[in-house]
Amino acid sequence: MIRSPRMLFLILALAGPPALCLPAFAQEASDEEEYKPVLPDVAIYKAMLDANKMTGWIQFRNYDDKQLIYFTTLQTMHCRLSEIRYSVNSDALDQRFPLGKCNPQIPFNLPDSRTNEYIYISLPAGEAKTLAIQAVWDDGAGSEIVVYKPCEGVGDATCAAIKTIKKPKKQLQEPVPSDSPIRAVQSETPGKTFTAPTPSTAARP
C-alpha cells in the first residue's frame, strides 16, 4: 500500500499514460496502402516539348532510297498526349500519328512495336520538303505548330531544322474519354499504313 500521495504521483508520472499510446499504433496500421504509380505532372512534359523544339519534335533521315521521318521524341511523351497531328508539305495537320498504350510504371518508354509503326513513317526519297506538326495534350490543349524541313548535307543522319512556328488559332476540342492516353486499346488511323524498310537497322531513333 502506497501511503504517500507524492510517491503515487511519481509512479504515475514514470509509467506514463499507456491508454494514449495505443491509438497511434492502430492509426499507423490503417494507413498502410499499396502504392499506385502516378503519371508525372503535365508541366514536365511541356518542358520536355519546349526543350526539344530546336533539335526537332520529328527527325528526317535518308535511308535505303527512302525518306524516314521519326516521331521518337513525341512518342516518349505519349502518356500525356491525346493526339499527334501532322501534315506533309502543307499546314493542314490532316494526319494522325499513332500513340502507344500508356503504362504509368514506365511513362517515358517507347511502345514495343515489331513494325516500328509507333516510331516513324516511310516515304519515297525526297518526298517531304516540310512537315508541320502539333502535339495535343490530354486536356485537349494544342501546342504551337512547328513546321520542320530536312537538314542539308547531313547524309543519312537524323536531323530536322525549323522553317516556321505558328500559334494555334483556337483551343482544340477536348478529347472524348476513348482518346485518353491511358486507354486500354488505341485504334490506328484509318486508311494509313506504315511500312518498315529493310534492313532492320533503319529503326534507329
N, C-alpha and C. Protein backbone atom coordinates (compact mmCIF):
# COMPACT_ATOMS: atom_id res chain seq x y z
N MET A 1 0.84 -1.20 0.00
CA MET A 1 0.00 0.00 0.00
C MET A 1 0.87 1.24 0.00
N ILE A 2 0.59 2.19 -0.92
CA ILE A 2 1.36 3.43 -1.01
C ILE A 2 0.68 4.48 -0.14
N ARG A 3 1.40 4.92 0.88
CA ARG A 3 0.81 5.86 1.84
C ARG A 3 1.05 7.31 1.43
N SER A 4 2.11 7.59 0.70
CA SER A 4 2.45 8.98 0.37
C SER A 4 1.85 9.38 -0.98
N PRO A 5 1.02 10.44 -1.00
CA PRO A 5 0.47 10.93 -2.29
C PRO A 5 1.56 11.35 -3.25
N ARG A 6 2.67 11.86 -2.67
CA ARG A 6 3.77 12.29 -3.54
C ARG A 6 4.41 11.10 -4.26
N MET A 7 4.56 9.98 -3.54
CA MET A 7 5.13 8.78 -4.14
C MET A 7 4.20 8.25 -5.23
N LEU A 8 2.90 8.30 -5.03
CA LEU A 8 1.94 7.84 -6.03
C LEU A 8 2.04 8.68 -7.30
N PHE A 9 2.22 9.97 -7.14
CA PHE A 9 2.35 10.87 -8.28
C PHE A 9 3.59 10.53 -9.12
N LEU A 10 4.73 10.21 -8.44
CA LEU A 10 5.96 9.88 -9.14
C LEU A 10 5.81 8.58 -9.92
N ILE A 11 5.12 7.60 -9.35
CA ILE A 11 4.92 6.31 -10.04
C ILE A 11 4.08 6.49 -11.30
N LEU A 12 3.02 7.29 -11.21
CA LEU A 12 2.16 7.53 -12.36
C LEU A 12 2.89 8.30 -13.46
N ALA A 13 3.74 9.24 -13.03
CA ALA A 13 4.48 10.05 -13.99
C ALA A 13 5.47 9.20 -14.78
N LEU A 14 6.17 8.27 -14.07
CA LEU A 14 7.14 7.41 -14.73
C LEU A 14 6.46 6.39 -15.64
N ALA A 15 5.33 5.89 -15.24
CA ALA A 15 4.63 4.88 -16.04
C ALA A 15 4.06 5.48 -17.31
N GLY A 16 3.64 6.77 -17.27
CA GLY A 16 3.07 7.42 -18.45
C GLY A 16 1.66 6.94 -18.70
N PRO A 17 0.94 7.60 -19.58
CA PRO A 17 -0.45 7.23 -19.89
C PRO A 17 -0.53 6.20 -21.01
N PRO A 18 -0.49 4.88 -20.74
CA PRO A 18 -0.49 3.87 -21.79
C PRO A 18 -1.72 3.93 -22.68
N ALA A 19 -2.83 4.39 -22.16
CA ALA A 19 -4.05 4.42 -22.97
C ALA A 19 -3.93 5.40 -24.13
N LEU A 20 -3.08 6.44 -23.97
CA LEU A 20 -2.92 7.42 -25.02
C LEU A 20 -2.00 6.94 -26.14
N CYS A 21 -1.18 5.90 -25.91
CA CYS A 21 -0.24 5.41 -26.90
C CYS A 21 -0.88 4.40 -27.86
N LEU A 22 -1.89 3.70 -27.41
CA LEU A 22 -2.48 2.64 -28.22
C LEU A 22 -3.09 3.14 -29.53
N PRO A 23 -3.83 4.23 -29.55
CA PRO A 23 -4.42 4.68 -30.82
C PRO A 23 -3.39 4.99 -31.90
N ALA A 24 -2.16 5.42 -31.53
CA ALA A 24 -1.13 5.74 -32.50
C ALA A 24 -0.73 4.51 -33.31
N PHE A 25 -0.58 3.38 -32.62
CA PHE A 25 -0.22 2.14 -33.31
C PHE A 25 -1.34 1.70 -34.26
N ALA A 26 -2.57 1.86 -33.82
CA ALA A 26 -3.70 1.48 -34.64
C ALA A 26 -3.80 2.36 -35.89
N GLN A 27 -3.50 3.64 -35.78
CA GLN A 27 -3.55 4.57 -36.90
C GLN A 27 -2.49 4.24 -37.94
N GLU A 28 -1.26 3.90 -37.50
CA GLU A 28 -0.19 3.57 -38.42
C GLU A 28 -0.55 2.34 -39.25
N ALA A 29 -1.16 1.37 -38.64
CA ALA A 29 -1.53 0.14 -39.34
C ALA A 29 -2.59 0.41 -40.40
N SER A 30 -3.55 1.30 -40.09
CA SER A 30 -4.63 1.56 -41.02
C SER A 30 -4.19 2.39 -42.22
N ASP A 31 -3.07 3.12 -42.10
CA ASP A 31 -2.60 3.98 -43.18
C ASP A 31 -1.75 3.23 -44.21
N GLU A 32 -1.45 1.99 -44.00
CA GLU A 32 -0.60 1.23 -44.90
C GLU A 32 -1.42 0.80 -46.12
N GLU A 33 -1.12 1.42 -47.28
CA GLU A 33 -1.79 1.08 -48.53
C GLU A 33 -0.76 0.85 -49.61
N GLU A 34 -1.10 0.00 -50.57
CA GLU A 34 -0.18 -0.28 -51.67
C GLU A 34 -0.03 0.95 -52.55
N TYR A 35 1.22 1.28 -52.88
CA TYR A 35 1.49 2.45 -53.70
C TYR A 35 1.07 2.21 -55.14
N LYS A 36 0.40 3.18 -55.73
CA LYS A 36 -0.01 3.10 -57.12
C LYS A 36 0.74 4.16 -57.93
N PRO A 37 1.33 3.78 -59.07
CA PRO A 37 2.09 4.75 -59.87
C PRO A 37 1.22 5.89 -60.37
N VAL A 38 1.77 7.09 -60.33
CA VAL A 38 1.08 8.29 -60.78
C VAL A 38 1.89 8.92 -61.91
N LEU A 39 1.20 9.35 -62.97
CA LEU A 39 1.90 9.98 -64.08
C LEU A 39 2.56 11.29 -63.65
N PRO A 40 3.75 11.59 -64.17
CA PRO A 40 4.37 12.89 -63.90
C PRO A 40 3.43 14.03 -64.33
N ASP A 41 3.56 15.16 -63.67
CA ASP A 41 2.72 16.31 -64.00
C ASP A 41 2.92 16.73 -65.44
N VAL A 42 1.85 17.21 -66.06
CA VAL A 42 1.91 17.60 -67.46
C VAL A 42 2.92 18.73 -67.69
N ALA A 43 3.21 19.52 -66.66
CA ALA A 43 4.19 20.59 -66.80
C ALA A 43 5.57 20.04 -67.16
N ILE A 44 5.89 18.84 -66.68
CA ILE A 44 7.17 18.21 -67.01
C ILE A 44 7.21 17.88 -68.50
N TYR A 45 6.11 17.37 -69.01
CA TYR A 45 6.05 17.02 -70.43
C TYR A 45 6.12 18.27 -71.31
N LYS A 46 5.47 19.33 -70.88
CA LYS A 46 5.51 20.57 -71.66
C LYS A 46 6.91 21.15 -71.69
N ALA A 47 7.63 21.02 -70.57
CA ALA A 47 9.02 21.48 -70.54
C ALA A 47 9.89 20.64 -71.48
N MET A 48 9.63 19.33 -71.53
CA MET A 48 10.35 18.45 -72.45
C MET A 48 10.08 18.85 -73.90
N LEU A 49 8.80 19.14 -74.20
CA LEU A 49 8.44 19.52 -75.56
C LEU A 49 9.17 20.78 -75.98
N ASP A 50 9.19 21.76 -75.11
CA ASP A 50 9.84 23.02 -75.42
C ASP A 50 11.34 22.85 -75.57
N ALA A 51 11.93 22.01 -74.72
CA ALA A 51 13.38 21.81 -74.76
C ALA A 51 13.82 21.12 -76.05
N ASN A 52 12.94 20.31 -76.64
CA ASN A 52 13.29 19.58 -77.85
C ASN A 52 12.86 20.27 -79.14
N LYS A 53 12.28 21.47 -79.03
CA LYS A 53 11.75 22.14 -80.22
C LYS A 53 12.85 22.47 -81.23
N MET A 54 13.97 22.99 -80.78
CA MET A 54 15.02 23.40 -81.70
C MET A 54 15.67 22.21 -82.40
N THR A 55 15.88 21.12 -81.68
CA THR A 55 16.52 19.95 -82.29
C THR A 55 15.53 19.11 -83.08
N GLY A 56 14.22 19.31 -82.82
CA GLY A 56 13.22 18.64 -83.65
C GLY A 56 12.28 17.74 -82.89
N TRP A 57 10.98 18.01 -83.00
CA TRP A 57 9.97 17.09 -82.49
C TRP A 57 9.88 15.86 -83.38
N ILE A 58 10.33 16.03 -84.62
CA ILE A 58 10.47 14.91 -85.55
C ILE A 58 11.87 14.99 -86.14
N GLN A 59 12.30 13.92 -86.80
CA GLN A 59 13.61 13.88 -87.43
C GLN A 59 13.48 13.26 -88.82
N PHE A 60 14.15 13.87 -89.79
CA PHE A 60 14.20 13.33 -91.15
C PHE A 60 15.47 12.48 -91.30
N ARG A 61 15.35 11.44 -92.13
CA ARG A 61 16.53 10.63 -92.44
C ARG A 61 16.39 10.01 -93.83
N ASN A 62 17.46 10.08 -94.60
CA ASN A 62 17.52 9.41 -95.90
C ASN A 62 18.16 8.05 -95.70
N TYR A 63 17.44 7.00 -96.09
CA TYR A 63 17.97 5.65 -95.85
C TYR A 63 17.40 4.67 -96.87
N ASP A 64 18.29 3.93 -97.52
CA ASP A 64 17.88 2.83 -98.40
C ASP A 64 16.87 3.30 -99.45
N ASP A 65 17.17 4.44 -100.07
CA ASP A 65 16.31 5.02 -101.11
C ASP A 65 14.92 5.37 -100.59
N LYS A 66 14.82 5.64 -99.31
CA LYS A 66 13.55 6.07 -98.70
C LYS A 66 13.82 7.28 -97.81
N GLN A 67 12.76 7.98 -97.52
CA GLN A 67 12.84 9.07 -96.56
C GLN A 67 12.06 8.65 -95.31
N LEU A 68 12.76 8.51 -94.21
CA LEU A 68 12.13 8.13 -92.95
C LEU A 68 11.94 9.38 -92.10
N ILE A 69 10.79 9.48 -91.46
CA ILE A 69 10.51 10.60 -90.56
C ILE A 69 10.19 10.00 -89.20
N TYR A 70 11.06 10.27 -88.24
CA TYR A 70 10.95 9.69 -86.90
C TYR A 70 10.13 10.59 -85.97
N PHE A 71 9.25 9.97 -85.21
CA PHE A 71 8.42 10.68 -84.22
C PHE A 71 8.83 10.28 -82.80
N THR A 72 10.05 9.82 -82.64
CA THR A 72 10.52 9.28 -81.36
C THR A 72 10.35 10.26 -80.21
N THR A 73 10.74 11.51 -80.43
CA THR A 73 10.69 12.50 -79.34
C THR A 73 9.29 12.64 -78.78
N LEU A 74 8.29 12.79 -79.65
CA LEU A 74 6.92 12.96 -79.18
C LEU A 74 6.37 11.66 -78.61
N GLN A 75 6.81 10.53 -79.13
CA GLN A 75 6.29 9.26 -78.63
C GLN A 75 6.69 9.01 -77.18
N THR A 76 7.84 9.55 -76.75
CA THR A 76 8.22 9.40 -75.35
C THR A 76 7.27 10.15 -74.41
N MET A 77 6.45 11.05 -74.97
CA MET A 77 5.50 11.82 -74.17
C MET A 77 4.08 11.28 -74.31
N HIS A 78 3.92 10.07 -74.85
CA HIS A 78 2.59 9.57 -75.21
C HIS A 78 1.62 9.47 -74.04
N CYS A 79 2.13 9.34 -72.82
CA CYS A 79 1.24 9.20 -71.66
C CYS A 79 0.46 10.48 -71.36
N ARG A 80 0.92 11.61 -71.86
CA ARG A 80 0.23 12.88 -71.64
C ARG A 80 -0.32 13.49 -72.92
N LEU A 81 -0.28 12.74 -74.02
CA LEU A 81 -0.78 13.24 -75.29
C LEU A 81 -2.07 12.51 -75.67
N SER A 82 -2.97 13.24 -76.32
CA SER A 82 -4.16 12.61 -76.88
C SER A 82 -4.04 12.45 -78.39
N GLU A 83 -3.21 13.30 -79.03
CA GLU A 83 -3.01 13.22 -80.48
C GLU A 83 -1.65 13.79 -80.86
N ILE A 84 -1.13 13.28 -81.96
CA ILE A 84 -0.01 13.91 -82.66
C ILE A 84 -0.53 14.22 -84.06
N ARG A 85 -0.71 15.51 -84.35
CA ARG A 85 -1.23 15.94 -85.64
C ARG A 85 -0.08 16.39 -86.54
N TYR A 86 -0.13 15.97 -87.80
CA TYR A 86 0.93 16.38 -88.71
C TYR A 86 0.42 16.40 -90.15
N SER A 87 1.19 17.01 -91.00
CA SER A 87 0.90 17.00 -92.45
C SER A 87 2.20 17.19 -93.19
N VAL A 88 2.29 16.55 -94.34
CA VAL A 88 3.49 16.59 -95.17
C VAL A 88 3.28 17.59 -96.30
N ASN A 89 4.22 18.51 -96.43
CA ASN A 89 4.21 19.54 -97.49
C ASN A 89 2.96 20.44 -97.45
N SER A 90 2.39 20.62 -96.26
CA SER A 90 1.27 21.54 -96.08
C SER A 90 1.13 21.85 -94.60
N ASP A 91 0.23 22.79 -94.29
CA ASP A 91 -0.04 23.15 -92.89
C ASP A 91 -1.40 22.61 -92.44
N ALA A 92 -1.94 21.65 -93.16
CA ALA A 92 -3.31 21.18 -92.90
C ALA A 92 -3.46 20.39 -91.60
N LEU A 93 -2.38 19.75 -91.14
CA LEU A 93 -2.44 18.89 -89.94
C LEU A 93 -3.57 17.87 -90.07
N ASP A 94 -3.67 17.26 -91.24
CA ASP A 94 -4.78 16.36 -91.52
C ASP A 94 -4.46 14.88 -91.28
N GLN A 95 -3.30 14.60 -90.72
CA GLN A 95 -2.93 13.21 -90.45
C GLN A 95 -2.62 13.04 -88.96
N ARG A 96 -2.75 11.80 -88.49
CA ARG A 96 -2.52 11.48 -87.09
C ARG A 96 -1.47 10.38 -86.98
N PHE A 97 -0.49 10.59 -86.11
CA PHE A 97 0.50 9.56 -85.86
C PHE A 97 0.03 8.74 -84.65
N PRO A 98 0.06 7.40 -84.73
CA PRO A 98 -0.48 6.58 -83.65
C PRO A 98 0.32 6.71 -82.36
N LEU A 99 -0.39 6.76 -81.24
CA LEU A 99 0.23 6.80 -79.92
C LEU A 99 0.19 5.42 -79.29
N GLY A 100 1.25 5.09 -78.59
CA GLY A 100 1.31 3.80 -77.91
C GLY A 100 0.46 3.80 -76.64
N LYS A 101 0.18 2.61 -76.15
CA LYS A 101 -0.57 2.46 -74.90
C LYS A 101 0.31 2.90 -73.73
N CYS A 102 -0.26 3.67 -72.82
CA CYS A 102 0.49 4.20 -71.68
C CYS A 102 0.57 3.19 -70.55
N ASN A 103 1.76 2.99 -70.03
CA ASN A 103 1.98 2.21 -68.81
C ASN A 103 2.53 3.18 -67.77
N PRO A 104 1.74 3.56 -66.76
CA PRO A 104 2.18 4.55 -65.78
C PRO A 104 3.46 4.17 -65.05
N GLN A 105 3.81 2.89 -65.03
CA GLN A 105 5.04 2.48 -64.36
C GLN A 105 6.29 2.87 -65.16
N ILE A 106 6.16 2.99 -66.47
CA ILE A 106 7.27 3.40 -67.34
C ILE A 106 6.75 4.45 -68.33
N PRO A 107 6.39 5.62 -67.84
CA PRO A 107 5.66 6.60 -68.66
C PRO A 107 6.46 7.19 -69.82
N PHE A 108 7.79 7.11 -69.79
CA PHE A 108 8.58 7.71 -70.86
C PHE A 108 9.14 6.67 -71.83
N ASN A 109 8.81 5.40 -71.62
CA ASN A 109 9.32 4.36 -72.51
C ASN A 109 8.62 4.38 -73.87
N LEU A 110 9.36 4.01 -74.90
CA LEU A 110 8.77 3.88 -76.23
C LEU A 110 7.95 2.60 -76.30
N PRO A 111 6.80 2.63 -76.96
CA PRO A 111 5.98 1.42 -77.09
C PRO A 111 6.72 0.33 -77.85
N ASP A 112 6.46 -0.91 -77.48
CA ASP A 112 7.05 -2.04 -78.17
C ASP A 112 6.31 -2.29 -79.48
N SER A 113 7.03 -2.30 -80.58
CA SER A 113 6.39 -2.49 -81.88
C SER A 113 7.36 -3.17 -82.84
N ARG A 114 6.97 -4.31 -83.37
CA ARG A 114 7.83 -5.02 -84.33
C ARG A 114 7.85 -4.32 -85.68
N THR A 115 6.80 -3.60 -86.00
CA THR A 115 6.71 -2.94 -87.30
C THR A 115 7.19 -1.49 -87.26
N ASN A 116 7.56 -0.99 -86.09
CA ASN A 116 8.02 0.39 -85.93
C ASN A 116 6.95 1.42 -86.26
N GLU A 117 5.69 1.03 -86.23
CA GLU A 117 4.62 1.97 -86.58
C GLU A 117 4.51 3.12 -85.58
N TYR A 118 5.02 2.92 -84.36
CA TYR A 118 5.00 3.98 -83.36
C TYR A 118 6.27 4.83 -83.39
N ILE A 119 7.16 4.54 -84.32
CA ILE A 119 8.46 5.21 -84.35
C ILE A 119 8.61 6.14 -85.56
N TYR A 120 8.27 5.66 -86.76
CA TYR A 120 8.49 6.50 -87.93
C TYR A 120 7.50 6.17 -89.04
N ILE A 121 7.47 7.06 -90.04
CA ILE A 121 6.76 6.80 -91.29
C ILE A 121 7.80 6.72 -92.40
N SER A 122 7.47 6.01 -93.45
CA SER A 122 8.38 5.83 -94.58
C SER A 122 7.76 6.42 -95.83
N LEU A 123 8.53 7.29 -96.50
CA LEU A 123 8.07 7.95 -97.73
C LEU A 123 9.10 7.72 -98.84
N PRO A 124 8.70 7.93 -100.08
CA PRO A 124 9.69 7.88 -101.15
C PRO A 124 10.79 8.92 -100.92
N ALA A 125 11.97 8.63 -101.36
CA ALA A 125 13.11 9.51 -101.12
C ALA A 125 12.83 10.94 -101.60
N GLY A 126 13.06 11.91 -100.70
CA GLY A 126 12.92 13.31 -101.04
C GLY A 126 11.50 13.83 -101.13
N GLU A 127 10.51 13.03 -100.77
CA GLU A 127 9.11 13.47 -100.93
C GLU A 127 8.74 14.61 -99.98
N ALA A 128 9.13 14.51 -98.72
CA ALA A 128 8.75 15.53 -97.73
C ALA A 128 9.72 16.70 -97.77
N LYS A 129 9.23 17.84 -98.24
CA LYS A 129 10.03 19.08 -98.20
C LYS A 129 9.85 19.77 -96.85
N THR A 130 8.64 19.62 -96.29
CA THR A 130 8.35 20.15 -94.96
C THR A 130 7.42 19.18 -94.24
N LEU A 131 7.36 19.29 -92.92
CA LEU A 131 6.39 18.55 -92.13
C LEU A 131 5.91 19.47 -91.00
N ALA A 132 4.61 19.76 -91.01
CA ALA A 132 4.01 20.57 -89.95
C ALA A 132 3.51 19.62 -88.86
N ILE A 133 3.71 19.99 -87.61
CA ILE A 133 3.35 19.09 -86.52
C ILE A 133 2.84 19.86 -85.31
N GLN A 134 1.91 19.25 -84.60
CA GLN A 134 1.34 19.83 -83.38
C GLN A 134 1.06 18.71 -82.38
N ALA A 135 1.44 18.92 -81.14
CA ALA A 135 1.13 17.98 -80.06
C ALA A 135 -0.15 18.44 -79.37
N VAL A 136 -1.04 17.50 -79.10
CA VAL A 136 -2.29 17.80 -78.40
C VAL A 136 -2.25 17.08 -77.05
N TRP A 137 -2.36 17.85 -75.97
CA TRP A 137 -2.26 17.29 -74.63
C TRP A 137 -3.54 16.55 -74.23
N ASP A 138 -3.48 15.84 -73.13
CA ASP A 138 -4.63 15.02 -72.71
C ASP A 138 -5.81 15.87 -72.23
N ASP A 139 -5.62 17.18 -72.05
CA ASP A 139 -6.75 18.04 -71.69
C ASP A 139 -7.34 18.74 -72.93
N GLY A 140 -6.83 18.40 -74.12
CA GLY A 140 -7.35 18.98 -75.35
C GLY A 140 -6.61 20.22 -75.82
N ALA A 141 -5.69 20.75 -75.04
CA ALA A 141 -4.95 21.94 -75.45
C ALA A 141 -3.89 21.58 -76.48
N GLY A 142 -3.77 22.41 -77.50
CA GLY A 142 -2.79 22.16 -78.55
C GLY A 142 -1.55 23.02 -78.39
N SER A 143 -0.41 22.43 -78.71
CA SER A 143 0.83 23.18 -78.69
C SER A 143 0.89 24.12 -79.89
N GLU A 144 1.93 24.93 -79.94
CA GLU A 144 2.17 25.70 -81.15
C GLU A 144 2.47 24.75 -82.30
N ILE A 145 2.31 25.22 -83.51
CA ILE A 145 2.52 24.40 -84.70
C ILE A 145 3.91 24.71 -85.26
N VAL A 146 4.73 23.70 -85.33
CA VAL A 146 6.09 23.88 -85.84
C VAL A 146 6.22 23.20 -87.19
N VAL A 147 6.75 23.92 -88.16
CA VAL A 147 6.99 23.36 -89.48
C VAL A 147 8.49 23.11 -89.61
N TYR A 148 8.84 21.84 -89.83
CA TYR A 148 10.25 21.44 -89.96
C TYR A 148 10.58 21.13 -91.41
N LYS A 149 11.86 21.23 -91.72
CA LYS A 149 12.36 20.84 -93.04
C LYS A 149 13.61 19.99 -92.84
N PRO A 150 13.95 19.15 -93.82
CA PRO A 150 15.16 18.34 -93.68
C PRO A 150 16.41 19.21 -93.63
N CYS A 151 17.39 18.77 -92.86
CA CYS A 151 18.68 19.46 -92.85
C CYS A 151 19.41 19.18 -94.16
N GLU A 152 20.26 20.10 -94.56
CA GLU A 152 21.00 19.95 -95.82
C GLU A 152 22.39 19.36 -95.56
N GLY A 153 22.79 18.45 -96.44
CA GLY A 153 24.16 17.93 -96.40
C GLY A 153 24.50 17.06 -95.21
N VAL A 154 23.52 16.34 -94.64
CA VAL A 154 23.82 15.52 -93.47
C VAL A 154 23.84 14.02 -93.82
N GLY A 155 23.70 13.69 -95.09
CA GLY A 155 23.73 12.28 -95.47
C GLY A 155 22.55 11.51 -94.91
N ASP A 156 22.85 10.36 -94.27
CA ASP A 156 21.77 9.56 -93.70
C ASP A 156 21.58 9.80 -92.21
N ALA A 157 22.17 10.89 -91.69
CA ALA A 157 21.99 11.24 -90.28
C ALA A 157 20.56 11.74 -90.05
N THR A 158 20.06 11.54 -88.83
CA THR A 158 18.73 12.05 -88.47
C THR A 158 18.85 13.51 -88.07
N CYS A 159 18.00 14.35 -88.65
CA CYS A 159 18.12 15.79 -88.41
C CYS A 159 16.84 16.49 -88.85
N ALA A 160 16.57 17.65 -88.26
CA ALA A 160 15.44 18.48 -88.66
C ALA A 160 15.77 19.93 -88.33
N ALA A 161 15.33 20.84 -89.20
CA ALA A 161 15.54 22.28 -88.98
C ALA A 161 14.19 22.98 -89.00
N ILE A 162 14.02 23.96 -88.13
CA ILE A 162 12.75 24.70 -88.07
C ILE A 162 12.64 25.64 -89.27
N LYS A 163 11.49 25.58 -89.93
CA LYS A 163 11.21 26.54 -91.00
C LYS A 163 10.35 27.68 -90.48
N THR A 164 9.22 27.36 -89.85
CA THR A 164 8.35 28.38 -89.25
C THR A 164 7.71 27.83 -87.98
N ILE A 165 7.23 28.75 -87.15
CA ILE A 165 6.49 28.40 -85.93
C ILE A 165 5.20 29.20 -85.94
N LYS A 166 4.08 28.52 -85.71
CA LYS A 166 2.78 29.19 -85.72
C LYS A 166 2.03 28.89 -84.43
N LYS A 167 1.29 29.86 -83.95
CA LYS A 167 0.45 29.67 -82.78
C LYS A 167 -0.87 29.01 -83.21
N PRO A 168 -1.43 28.15 -82.37
CA PRO A 168 -2.74 27.57 -82.72
C PRO A 168 -3.80 28.65 -82.77
N LYS A 169 -4.71 28.57 -83.73
CA LYS A 169 -5.73 29.59 -83.91
C LYS A 169 -6.78 29.57 -82.81
N LYS A 170 -7.08 28.39 -82.29
CA LYS A 170 -8.08 28.28 -81.24
C LYS A 170 -7.82 27.05 -80.40
N GLN A 171 -8.44 27.01 -79.23
CA GLN A 171 -8.32 25.86 -78.35
C GLN A 171 -8.95 24.65 -79.02
N LEU A 172 -8.22 23.56 -79.02
CA LEU A 172 -8.76 22.35 -79.61
C LEU A 172 -9.86 21.76 -78.75
N GLN A 173 -10.75 21.04 -79.39
CA GLN A 173 -11.84 20.41 -78.66
C GLN A 173 -11.29 19.36 -77.70
N GLU A 174 -11.86 19.33 -76.51
CA GLU A 174 -11.40 18.37 -75.51
C GLU A 174 -11.65 16.96 -76.01
N PRO A 175 -10.64 16.07 -75.91
CA PRO A 175 -10.83 14.71 -76.42
C PRO A 175 -11.87 13.94 -75.65
N VAL A 176 -12.55 13.03 -76.32
CA VAL A 176 -13.54 12.19 -75.65
C VAL A 176 -12.81 11.15 -74.83
N PRO A 177 -13.51 10.49 -73.85
CA PRO A 177 -12.83 9.53 -72.97
C PRO A 177 -12.06 8.45 -73.71
N SER A 178 -12.54 8.02 -74.87
CA SER A 178 -11.85 6.96 -75.60
C SER A 178 -10.48 7.40 -76.10
N ASP A 179 -10.24 8.75 -76.12
CA ASP A 179 -8.95 9.25 -76.57
C ASP A 179 -7.96 9.43 -75.42
N SER A 180 -8.31 8.95 -74.24
CA SER A 180 -7.43 9.11 -73.09
C SER A 180 -6.09 8.43 -73.34
N PRO A 181 -4.97 9.03 -72.89
CA PRO A 181 -3.66 8.43 -73.14
C PRO A 181 -3.44 7.14 -72.38
N ILE A 182 -4.28 6.82 -71.40
CA ILE A 182 -4.11 5.58 -70.65
C ILE A 182 -5.20 4.59 -71.00
N ARG A 183 -5.76 4.77 -72.22
CA ARG A 183 -6.79 3.85 -72.67
C ARG A 183 -6.19 2.46 -72.87
N ALA A 184 -7.03 1.45 -72.77
CA ALA A 184 -6.55 0.09 -72.88
C ALA A 184 -6.12 -0.24 -74.30
N VAL A 185 -6.87 0.27 -75.29
CA VAL A 185 -6.56 -0.03 -76.68
C VAL A 185 -6.69 1.24 -77.49
N GLN A 186 -5.79 1.47 -78.40
CA GLN A 186 -5.89 2.63 -79.29
C GLN A 186 -5.91 2.14 -80.72
N SER A 187 -6.92 2.56 -81.44
CA SER A 187 -7.05 2.14 -82.83
C SER A 187 -6.10 2.95 -83.70
N GLU A 188 -5.69 2.36 -84.79
CA GLU A 188 -4.80 3.05 -85.71
C GLU A 188 -5.60 4.01 -86.59
N THR A 189 -4.91 4.94 -87.20
CA THR A 189 -5.56 5.91 -88.07
C THR A 189 -6.08 5.21 -89.32
N PRO A 190 -7.41 5.30 -89.58
CA PRO A 190 -7.97 4.61 -90.75
C PRO A 190 -7.30 5.06 -92.04
N GLY A 191 -7.04 4.07 -92.91
CA GLY A 191 -6.51 4.38 -94.22
C GLY A 191 -5.03 4.70 -94.25
N LYS A 192 -4.37 4.67 -93.08
CA LYS A 192 -2.94 5.00 -93.04
C LYS A 192 -2.16 3.75 -92.72
N THR A 193 -1.19 3.42 -93.52
CA THR A 193 -0.35 2.26 -93.27
C THR A 193 1.08 2.72 -93.13
N PHE A 194 1.85 1.96 -92.37
CA PHE A 194 3.24 2.29 -92.12
C PHE A 194 4.10 1.12 -92.58
N THR A 195 5.02 1.38 -93.44
CA THR A 195 5.85 0.32 -93.99
C THR A 195 7.25 0.41 -93.42
N ALA A 196 7.75 -0.69 -92.90
CA ALA A 196 9.09 -0.71 -92.33
C ALA A 196 10.10 -1.11 -93.39
N PRO A 197 11.06 -0.24 -93.69
CA PRO A 197 12.06 -0.59 -94.68
C PRO A 197 13.04 -1.62 -94.16
N THR A 198 13.76 -2.25 -95.03
CA THR A 198 14.79 -3.19 -94.65
C THR A 198 16.14 -2.61 -95.06
N PRO A 199 17.24 -2.98 -94.38
CA PRO A 199 17.29 -3.87 -93.23
C PRO A 199 16.76 -3.24 -91.96
N SER A 200 16.73 -4.04 -90.86
CA SER A 200 16.12 -3.58 -89.62
C SER A 200 16.87 -2.45 -88.96
N THR A 201 18.11 -2.20 -89.35
CA THR A 201 18.89 -1.11 -88.75
C THR A 201 18.29 0.24 -89.03
N ALA A 202 17.33 0.33 -89.92
CA ALA A 202 16.69 1.60 -90.22
C ALA A 202 15.88 2.11 -89.05
N ALA A 203 15.64 1.29 -88.05
CA ALA A 203 14.79 1.67 -86.93
C ALA A 203 15.50 2.43 -85.85
N ARG A 204 16.71 2.86 -86.09
CA ARG A 204 17.42 3.62 -85.05
C ARG A 204 16.66 4.91 -84.77
N PRO A 205 16.66 5.38 -83.53
CA PRO A 205 15.91 6.62 -83.20
C PRO A 205 16.55 7.85 -83.80
